Protein backbone atom coordinates (compact mmCIF):
# COMPACT_ATOMS: atom_id res chain seq x y z
CA ASP A 1 -33.63 83.89 86.56
CA LEU A 2 -37.06 84.85 85.22
CA ASP A 3 -37.54 88.13 83.37
CA GLY A 4 -41.18 88.09 82.34
CA PRO A 5 -41.52 85.44 79.62
CA VAL A 6 -37.75 84.82 79.35
CA ALA A 7 -36.06 82.20 81.55
CA ARG A 8 -32.29 82.53 81.90
CA VAL A 9 -30.47 79.39 83.04
CA VAL A 10 -26.91 80.19 84.11
CA LEU A 11 -24.05 77.72 84.54
CA ASP A 12 -22.02 78.77 87.59
CA HIS A 13 -19.33 76.26 88.53
CA PRO A 14 -16.02 78.18 88.46
CA PRO A 15 -13.50 78.35 87.04
CA LEU A 16 -14.42 76.38 83.89
CA ASN A 17 -18.08 75.43 84.46
CA ILE A 18 -17.11 71.76 84.19
CA PHE A 19 -20.00 69.30 84.39
CA ASP A 20 -19.88 66.95 87.35
CA LEU A 21 -22.71 64.81 88.74
CA VAL A 22 -23.85 67.51 91.16
CA MET A 23 -24.03 70.15 88.45
CA ARG A 24 -25.81 67.76 86.11
CA ASP A 25 -28.44 66.88 88.74
CA GLU A 26 -29.03 70.55 89.51
CA LEU A 27 -29.36 71.32 85.80
CA ILE A 28 -31.96 68.57 85.43
CA GLY A 29 -33.98 70.13 88.24
CA VAL A 30 -33.76 73.59 86.70
CA LEU A 31 -34.76 72.43 83.21
CA GLU A 32 -37.70 70.47 84.61
CA ALA A 33 -38.81 73.60 86.47
CA VAL A 34 -38.58 75.76 83.34
CA ARG A 35 -40.82 73.31 81.47
CA GLU A 36 -43.47 73.64 84.18
CA ILE A 37 -43.71 77.45 84.14
CA ASP A 38 -46.49 78.35 81.73
CA GLU A 39 -45.37 81.97 81.41
CA VAL A 40 -41.98 81.06 79.92
CA ARG A 41 -41.84 81.63 76.17
CA VAL A 42 -38.06 81.54 75.59
CA MET A 43 -35.08 80.09 77.48
CA ILE A 44 -31.51 81.38 77.39
CA LEU A 45 -28.63 79.12 78.45
CA ALA A 46 -25.72 81.29 79.60
CA ALA A 47 -22.75 81.07 81.96
CA GLU A 48 -20.96 83.05 84.64
CA GLY A 49 -17.22 83.60 84.59
CA ARG A 50 -14.71 83.73 81.78
CA HIS A 51 -15.88 80.54 80.06
CA PHE A 52 -19.15 78.95 79.01
CA SER A 53 -18.02 75.39 79.76
CA ALA A 54 -14.94 73.21 79.28
CA GLY A 55 -17.10 70.06 79.26
CA ALA A 56 -17.34 67.05 81.54
CA ASP A 57 -15.35 66.38 84.70
CA LEU A 58 -13.01 63.66 83.44
CA SER A 59 -11.95 62.80 86.99
CA GLU A 60 -15.38 61.23 87.53
CA PHE A 61 -14.98 58.86 84.59
CA GLY A 62 -14.55 55.30 85.85
CA SER A 63 -15.44 56.24 89.41
CA ALA A 64 -18.74 54.30 89.52
CA PRO A 65 -18.62 51.00 91.44
CA SER A 66 -19.48 49.01 88.31
CA ILE A 67 -20.09 49.46 84.60
CA PHE A 68 -23.79 48.77 85.23
CA GLU A 69 -24.00 51.55 87.79
CA ALA A 70 -22.16 53.87 85.43
CA ARG A 71 -24.69 53.17 82.68
CA ARG A 72 -27.60 53.69 85.10
CA ILE A 73 -26.22 57.05 86.19
CA ARG A 74 -25.58 58.06 82.59
CA TRP A 75 -29.11 57.37 81.44
CA GLU A 76 -31.07 58.34 84.54
CA ARG A 77 -29.25 61.64 85.06
CA ASP A 78 -29.72 63.01 81.57
CA PRO A 79 -30.27 66.76 81.11
CA TRP A 80 -29.60 66.52 77.38
CA ALA A 81 -33.00 65.07 76.42
CA LEU A 82 -34.73 67.68 78.59
CA LEU A 83 -32.93 70.47 76.74
CA TRP A 84 -33.57 68.95 73.30
CA ASP A 85 -37.27 68.50 74.06
CA MET A 86 -37.80 71.95 75.61
CA PRO A 87 -41.14 73.12 74.15
CA VAL A 88 -40.08 76.78 73.88
CA PRO A 89 -37.20 78.18 71.79
CA THR A 90 -33.79 77.92 73.43
CA ILE A 91 -30.77 80.17 72.88
CA ALA A 92 -27.21 79.47 74.02
CA ALA A 93 -24.97 82.48 74.74
CA LEU A 94 -21.35 81.31 74.34
CA HIS A 95 -18.13 82.98 75.44
CA GLY A 96 -14.61 81.92 76.36
CA VAL A 97 -14.26 78.15 76.09
CA ALA A 98 -17.25 76.13 74.83
CA VAL A 99 -15.92 72.64 74.20
CA GLY A 100 -16.90 69.03 74.75
CA SER A 101 -20.25 68.69 76.47
CA GLY A 102 -20.28 72.48 76.82
CA LEU A 103 -20.61 72.82 73.05
CA GLU A 104 -22.86 69.76 72.94
CA MET A 105 -25.33 71.48 75.28
CA ALA A 106 -25.32 74.51 73.00
CA LEU A 107 -25.97 72.27 69.99
CA LEU A 108 -29.11 71.00 71.71
CA CYS A 109 -30.42 74.58 71.73
CA ASP A 110 -32.27 76.09 68.79
CA LEU A 111 -29.95 79.09 68.38
CA ARG A 112 -26.34 79.71 69.38
CA VAL A 113 -24.76 83.14 69.81
CA ALA A 114 -20.97 83.19 70.16
CA GLY A 115 -18.50 85.91 71.03
CA PRO A 116 -15.76 86.69 68.48
CA THR A 117 -13.06 85.02 70.60
CA THR A 118 -15.08 81.98 71.71
CA ARG A 119 -13.16 78.69 71.46
CA LEU A 120 -15.41 75.94 70.08
CA GLY A 121 -14.71 72.26 69.63
CA LEU A 122 -15.45 68.60 70.30
CA PRO A 123 -12.09 67.16 71.41
CA GLU A 124 -13.39 63.77 72.57
CA THR A 125 -11.94 61.65 69.77
CA LYS A 126 -8.43 62.85 70.68
CA LEU A 127 -9.10 61.36 74.13
CA GLY A 128 -10.32 58.06 72.73
CA MET A 129 -13.99 58.86 73.38
CA LEU A 130 -17.11 60.01 71.56
CA PRO A 131 -19.06 63.25 72.07
CA ALA A 132 -21.72 61.33 74.02
CA ALA A 133 -23.83 64.20 75.34
CA GLY A 134 -25.73 64.12 72.06
CA GLY A 135 -22.98 65.74 69.99
CA THR A 136 -22.82 63.21 67.17
CA GLN A 137 -26.57 63.60 66.66
CA SER A 138 -27.24 67.28 67.36
CA LEU A 139 -24.27 68.51 65.31
CA THR A 140 -25.26 66.35 62.35
CA LYS A 141 -28.87 67.56 62.57
CA ALA A 142 -27.63 71.17 62.68
CA VAL A 143 -25.10 71.11 59.84
CA GLY A 144 -25.44 67.76 58.06
CA PRO A 145 -22.97 64.86 57.94
CA HIS A 146 -20.61 66.52 55.44
CA GLU A 147 -19.81 69.32 57.92
CA ALA A 148 -20.15 67.21 61.07
CA VAL A 149 -17.62 64.50 60.19
CA PRO A 150 -14.47 66.71 60.22
CA VAL A 151 -15.56 68.49 63.41
CA VAL A 152 -15.95 65.21 65.30
CA ALA A 153 -13.25 63.14 63.62
CA LEU A 154 -10.46 65.74 63.60
CA ALA A 155 -11.46 67.24 66.96
CA ASP A 156 -10.00 70.60 65.94
CA GLU A 157 -10.81 73.95 67.52
CA ILE A 158 -13.24 75.96 65.39
CA GLU A 159 -13.05 79.74 65.14
CA PRO A 160 -16.40 81.54 65.58
CA GLU A 161 -16.51 82.95 62.05
CA ARG A 162 -15.85 79.51 60.57
CA ALA A 163 -18.47 78.05 62.92
CA LEU A 164 -20.90 80.71 61.66
CA ALA A 165 -20.19 79.85 58.03
CA ARG A 166 -20.74 76.16 58.77
CA GLY A 167 -23.97 76.75 60.69
CA ILE A 168 -22.56 75.56 64.02
CA VAL A 169 -23.44 78.93 65.54
CA SER A 170 -26.24 81.24 64.45
CA VAL A 171 -24.73 84.65 65.29
CA VAL A 172 -21.31 86.04 66.23
CA ASP A 173 -21.54 89.17 68.35
CA ASP A 174 -19.21 91.17 70.60
CA ASP A 175 -21.69 90.76 73.46
CA PRO A 176 -23.31 87.33 73.11
CA ASP A 177 -25.37 87.68 76.30
CA ARG A 178 -26.89 90.97 75.14
CA GLU A 179 -27.56 89.62 71.65
CA ALA A 180 -29.14 86.44 73.04
CA GLY A 181 -31.37 88.64 75.19
CA ALA A 182 -32.40 90.72 72.18
CA ILE A 183 -33.31 87.61 70.18
CA ALA A 184 -35.20 86.23 73.18
CA ASP A 185 -37.22 89.44 73.45
CA GLN A 186 -38.13 89.18 69.76
CA LEU A 187 -39.30 85.59 70.15
CA ALA A 188 -41.16 86.36 73.38
CA GLY A 189 -43.14 89.04 71.56
CA LEU A 190 -44.60 86.55 69.08
CA ASP A 191 -47.71 84.44 69.55
CA PRO A 192 -46.57 81.65 71.90
CA ALA A 193 -48.79 78.97 70.34
CA ALA A 194 -47.42 79.76 66.87
CA VAL A 195 -43.82 79.72 68.11
CA ARG A 196 -44.24 76.34 69.83
CA ALA A 197 -45.89 74.94 66.70
CA MET A 198 -43.09 76.37 64.56
CA LYS A 199 -40.48 74.64 66.71
CA ARG A 200 -42.26 71.30 66.46
CA CYS A 201 -42.65 71.61 62.69
CA LEU A 202 -39.00 72.47 62.12
CA ARG A 203 -37.92 69.59 64.33
CA ALA A 204 -40.23 67.25 62.40
CA ALA A 205 -38.58 68.33 59.14
CA VAL A 206 -35.29 66.91 60.44
CA ASP A 207 -36.60 63.87 62.28
CA LEU A 208 -39.39 62.57 60.03
CA PRO A 209 -39.93 61.61 56.38
CA ILE A 210 -41.45 64.49 54.44
CA ASP A 211 -44.97 63.00 54.29
CA ALA A 212 -45.01 62.60 58.07
CA GLY A 213 -43.55 66.08 58.52
CA LEU A 214 -46.24 67.59 56.29
CA ALA A 215 -48.88 65.81 58.36
CA VAL A 216 -47.45 67.40 61.52
CA GLU A 217 -47.48 70.82 59.81
CA ARG A 218 -51.13 70.43 58.74
CA ARG A 219 -52.19 69.27 62.19
CA LEU A 220 -50.46 72.13 64.00
CA ALA A 221 -51.44 74.82 61.49
CA ARG A 222 -55.14 74.01 61.61
CA PRO A 223 -55.92 75.35 65.12
CA LEU A 224 -53.83 78.47 64.50
CA GLY A 225 -55.91 79.46 61.50
CA ARG A 226 -54.90 81.98 58.87
CA PRO A 227 -55.11 85.79 59.01
CA ARG A 228 -57.99 87.12 56.93
CA PRO A 229 -57.27 89.78 54.27
């Protein structure tokens, strides 16, 4: 859905919004479309139904005709990089269950708003797997290795208030969709060039050595100029 400068991408695969190959391909198409719409200044990732997402469809694991085909599908059908590289700010509105790749998608967004009863977690290690939709990387970038290790290794459910204290979510609100919309409206009202530059600078602070990050900041700040007194 488009509401002026705000794009709202909604997961709608009842009852648990589980990711299968069809849903993943459709999500890739939607995210590519959002990137091409010049008017979009903010994107919200939300979900219909009682839950945000219970993660991947485990019944599809091992269903590819060969390990090589499985790897090809995994890397060619990849919505995670598209979400991580979205040029505009992204906000995830979480409710119900947000676990596995459901939480991993949210971690690829810039901000996460959770309801007070949202169930959060990365249970993959209990199943003998890794959070491989970017979770080991995005969680560590969001909260640092000290906080990320117990979340991934112990695979425990995390209450929203504890997730807020750890920095896993940005806001806890009784109505996460409404709050995500309010934050999106705030961001959409700012200068779009400055917001895009801000996002790139903050990402550089995590991804690059400080001298390289400062170079990115100088380069992006120069065309924006400074307000005159």
